[in-house]
Amino acid sequence: GKGRINLSPYQVRLDDKGVHVSLPRLGVSRNYILASFIQDLTIQASEDLAGRKIRSYDLLSVTVDWEGLRVPLVRGSAYITAIFQAKTPTFQ
């Protein structure tokens, strides 16, 4: 899917182009608190990525693979890691 994943402290969205990372901003009103997704970083490859699939998962993590890109997502991690193989990394 393309929904948000709350890793705390980050939120990420995954799609066929790569990983979109947000450090959420809180919108606070009298009736609610809303964490908004404002994209701070995109991790992708210059070449096309295809074949997105879940490689492994447990209670606190999931590893997502594309052809040539592996991204382990770990709840509570201070870092977002992307492992490229035979692809050119691009960051926006």
C-alpha atoms as a PDB file:
ATOM      1  CA  GLY A   1       0.000   0.000   0.000  1.00  0.00           C
ATOM      2  CA  LYS A   2       0.851   3.659   0.000  1.00  0.00           C
ATOM      3  CA  GLY A   3      -0.296   4.546   3.516  1.00  0.00           C
ATOM      4  CA  ARG A   4       1.838   6.052   6.257  1.00  0.00           C
ATOM      5  CA  ILE A   5       3.946   3.851   8.482  1.00  0.00           C
ATOM      6  CA  ASN A   6       4.595   5.335  11.918  1.00  0.00           C
ATOM      7  CA  LEU A   7       8.085   4.279  13.000  1.00  0.00           C
ATOM      8  CA  SER A   8       8.372   6.862  15.765  1.00  0.00           C
ATOM      9  CA  PRO A   9      10.134   9.253  15.491  1.00  0.00           C
ATOM     10  CA  TYR A  10       9.635   9.126  11.701  1.00  0.00           C
ATOM     11  CA  GLN A  11       6.734   8.395   9.434  1.00  0.00           C
ATOM     12  CA  VAL A  12       7.402   6.837   6.041  1.00  0.00           C
ATOM     13  CA  ARG A  13       5.468   6.148   2.872  1.00  0.00           C
ATOM     14  CA  LEU A  14       6.589   3.522   0.400  1.00  0.00           C
ATOM     15  CA  ASP A  15       5.798   3.431  -3.287  1.00  0.00           C
ATOM     16  CA  ASP A  16       7.238   2.070  -6.520  1.00  0.00           C
ATOM     17  CA  LYS A  17       9.780   4.915  -6.630  1.00  0.00           C
ATOM     18  CA  GLY A  18      11.233   4.505  -3.124  1.00  0.00           C
ATOM     19  CA  VAL A  19      10.869   5.756   0.443  1.00  0.00           C
ATOM     20  CA  HIS A  20       9.393   9.100   1.506  1.00  0.00           C
ATOM     21  CA  VAL A  21      10.353  10.181   5.036  1.00  0.00           C
ATOM     22  CA  SER A  22       8.695  12.731   7.310  1.00  0.00           C
ATOM     23  CA  LEU A  23       9.481  13.976  10.778  1.00  0.00           C
ATOM     24  CA  PRO A  24       5.845  14.646  11.714  1.00  0.00           C
ATOM     25  CA  ARG A  25       4.641  18.060  12.728  1.00  0.00           C
ATOM     26  CA  LEU A  26       1.811  18.232  15.218  1.00  0.00           C
ATOM     27  CA  GLY A  27      -1.263  20.300  14.552  1.00  0.00           C
ATOM     28  CA  VAL A  28      -2.948  20.995  17.862  1.00  0.00           C
ATOM     29  CA  SER A  29      -6.403  22.370  18.458  1.00  0.00           C
ATOM     30  CA  ARG A  30      -8.824  22.255  21.329  1.00  0.00           C
ATOM     31  CA  ASN A  31     -10.468  19.060  20.031  1.00  0.00           C
ATOM     32  CA  TYR A  32      -7.634  17.062  18.492  1.00  0.00           C
ATOM     33  CA  ILE A  33      -3.935  16.562  17.851  1.00  0.00           C
ATOM     34  CA  LEU A  34      -3.019  15.711  14.264  1.00  0.00           C
ATOM     35  CA  ALA A  35       0.369  14.449  13.047  1.00  0.00           C
ATOM     36  CA  SER A  36       0.840  15.717   9.497  1.00  0.00           C
ATOM     37  CA  PHE A  37       3.030  14.076   6.868  1.00  0.00           C
ATOM     38  CA  ILE A  38       5.280  16.701   5.286  1.00  0.00           C
ATOM     39  CA  GLN A  39       7.890  14.997   3.162  1.00  0.00           C
ATOM     40  CA  ASP A  40      11.396  15.867   4.383  1.00  0.00           C
ATOM     41  CA  LEU A  41      13.421  13.301   2.454  1.00  0.00           C
ATOM     42  CA  THR A  42      12.906  10.971  -0.498  1.00  0.00           C
ATOM     43  CA  ILE A  43      15.243   8.015  -0.993  1.00  0.00           C
ATOM     44  CA  GLN A  44      15.085   6.514  -4.457  1.00  0.00           C
ATOM     45  CA  ALA A  45      17.229   5.389  -7.380  1.00  0.00           C
ATOM     46  CA  SER A  46      17.935   7.069 -10.705  1.00  0.00           C
ATOM     47  CA  GLU A  47      16.971   3.808 -12.379  1.00  0.00           C
ATOM     48  CA  ASP A  48      13.492   2.329 -12.173  1.00  0.00           C
ATOM     49  CA  LEU A  49      12.659   0.338  -9.067  1.00  0.00           C
ATOM     50  CA  ALA A  50      10.310  -2.595  -9.425  1.00  0.00           C
ATOM     51  CA  GLY A  51       9.139  -5.632  -7.562  1.00  0.00           C
ATOM     52  CA  ARG A  52       8.479  -4.111  -4.129  1.00  0.00           C
ATOM     53  CA  LYS A  53       7.921  -6.844  -1.559  1.00  0.00           C
ATOM     54  CA  ILE A  54       8.223  -7.571   2.143  1.00  0.00           C
ATOM     55  CA  ARG A  55      11.418  -9.537   2.750  1.00  0.00           C
ATOM     56  CA  SER A  56      10.946 -10.106   6.488  1.00  0.00           C
ATOM     57  CA  TYR A  57       9.152  -8.695   9.501  1.00  0.00           C
ATOM     58  CA  ASP A  58       8.750  -9.049  13.252  1.00  0.00           C
ATOM     59  CA  LEU A  59       6.988  -7.079  15.982  1.00  0.00           C
ATOM     60  CA  LEU A  60       9.259  -4.008  15.683  1.00  0.00           C
ATOM     61  CA  SER A  61      10.617  -4.056  12.147  1.00  0.00           C
ATOM     62  CA  VAL A  62       9.984  -4.781   8.506  1.00  0.00           C
ATOM     63  CA  THR A  63      12.478  -5.100   5.655  1.00  0.00           C
ATOM     64  CA  VAL A  64      11.206  -3.966   2.258  1.00  0.00           C
ATOM     65  CA  ASP A  65      12.946  -4.960  -0.975  1.00  0.00           C
ATOM     66  CA  TRP A  66      12.767  -3.542  -4.455  1.00  0.00           C
ATOM     67  CA  GLU A  67      15.010  -4.795  -7.262  1.00  0.00           C
ATOM     68  CA  GLY A  68      18.340  -3.227  -6.228  1.00  0.00           C
ATOM     69  CA  LEU A  69      17.171  -1.510  -3.030  1.00  0.00           C
ATOM     70  CA  ARG A  70      16.631  -2.872   0.478  1.00  0.00           C
ATOM     71  CA  VAL A  71      15.202  -0.759   3.306  1.00  0.00           C
ATOM     72  CA  PRO A  72      15.020  -2.108   6.861  1.00  0.00           C
ATOM     73  CA  LEU A  73      12.461  -0.074   8.817  1.00  0.00           C
ATOM     74  CA  VAL A  74      12.771  -0.330  12.597  1.00  0.00           C
ATOM     75  CA  ARG A  75      10.398   1.268  15.094  1.00  0.00           C
ATOM     76  CA  GLY A  76      12.217   3.744  17.334  1.00  0.00           C
ATOM     77  CA  SER A  77      15.370   3.841  15.203  1.00  0.00           C
ATOM     78  CA  ALA A  78      17.103   7.199  14.952  1.00  0.00           C
ATOM     79  CA  TYR A  79      18.125   6.405  11.360  1.00  0.00           C
ATOM     80  CA  ILE A  80      16.590   5.413   8.044  1.00  0.00           C
ATOM     81  CA  THR A  81      18.834   2.939   6.216  1.00  0.00           C
ATOM     82  CA  ALA A  82      18.796   2.235   2.467  1.00  0.00           C
ATOM     83  CA  ILE A  83      21.026  -0.425   0.923  1.00  0.00           C
ATOM     84  CA  PHE A  84      21.545   0.014  -2.824  1.00  0.00           C
ATOM     85  CA  GLN A  85      22.892  -2.675  -5.115  1.00  0.00           C
ATOM     86  CA  ALA A  86      23.596  -1.878  -8.784  1.00  0.00           C
ATOM     87  CA  LYS A  87      21.406   1.243  -8.553  1.00  0.00           C
ATOM     88  CA  THR A  88      22.338   4.943  -8.333  1.00  0.00           C
ATOM     89  CA  PRO A  89      21.007   6.536  -5.135  1.00  0.00           C
ATOM     90  CA  THR A  90      19.169   9.833  -5.315  1.00  0.00           C
ATOM     91  CA  PHE A  91      17.983  11.916  -2.377  1.00  0.00           C
ATOM     92  CA  GLN A  92      15.533  14.801  -2.478  1.00  0.00           C
END
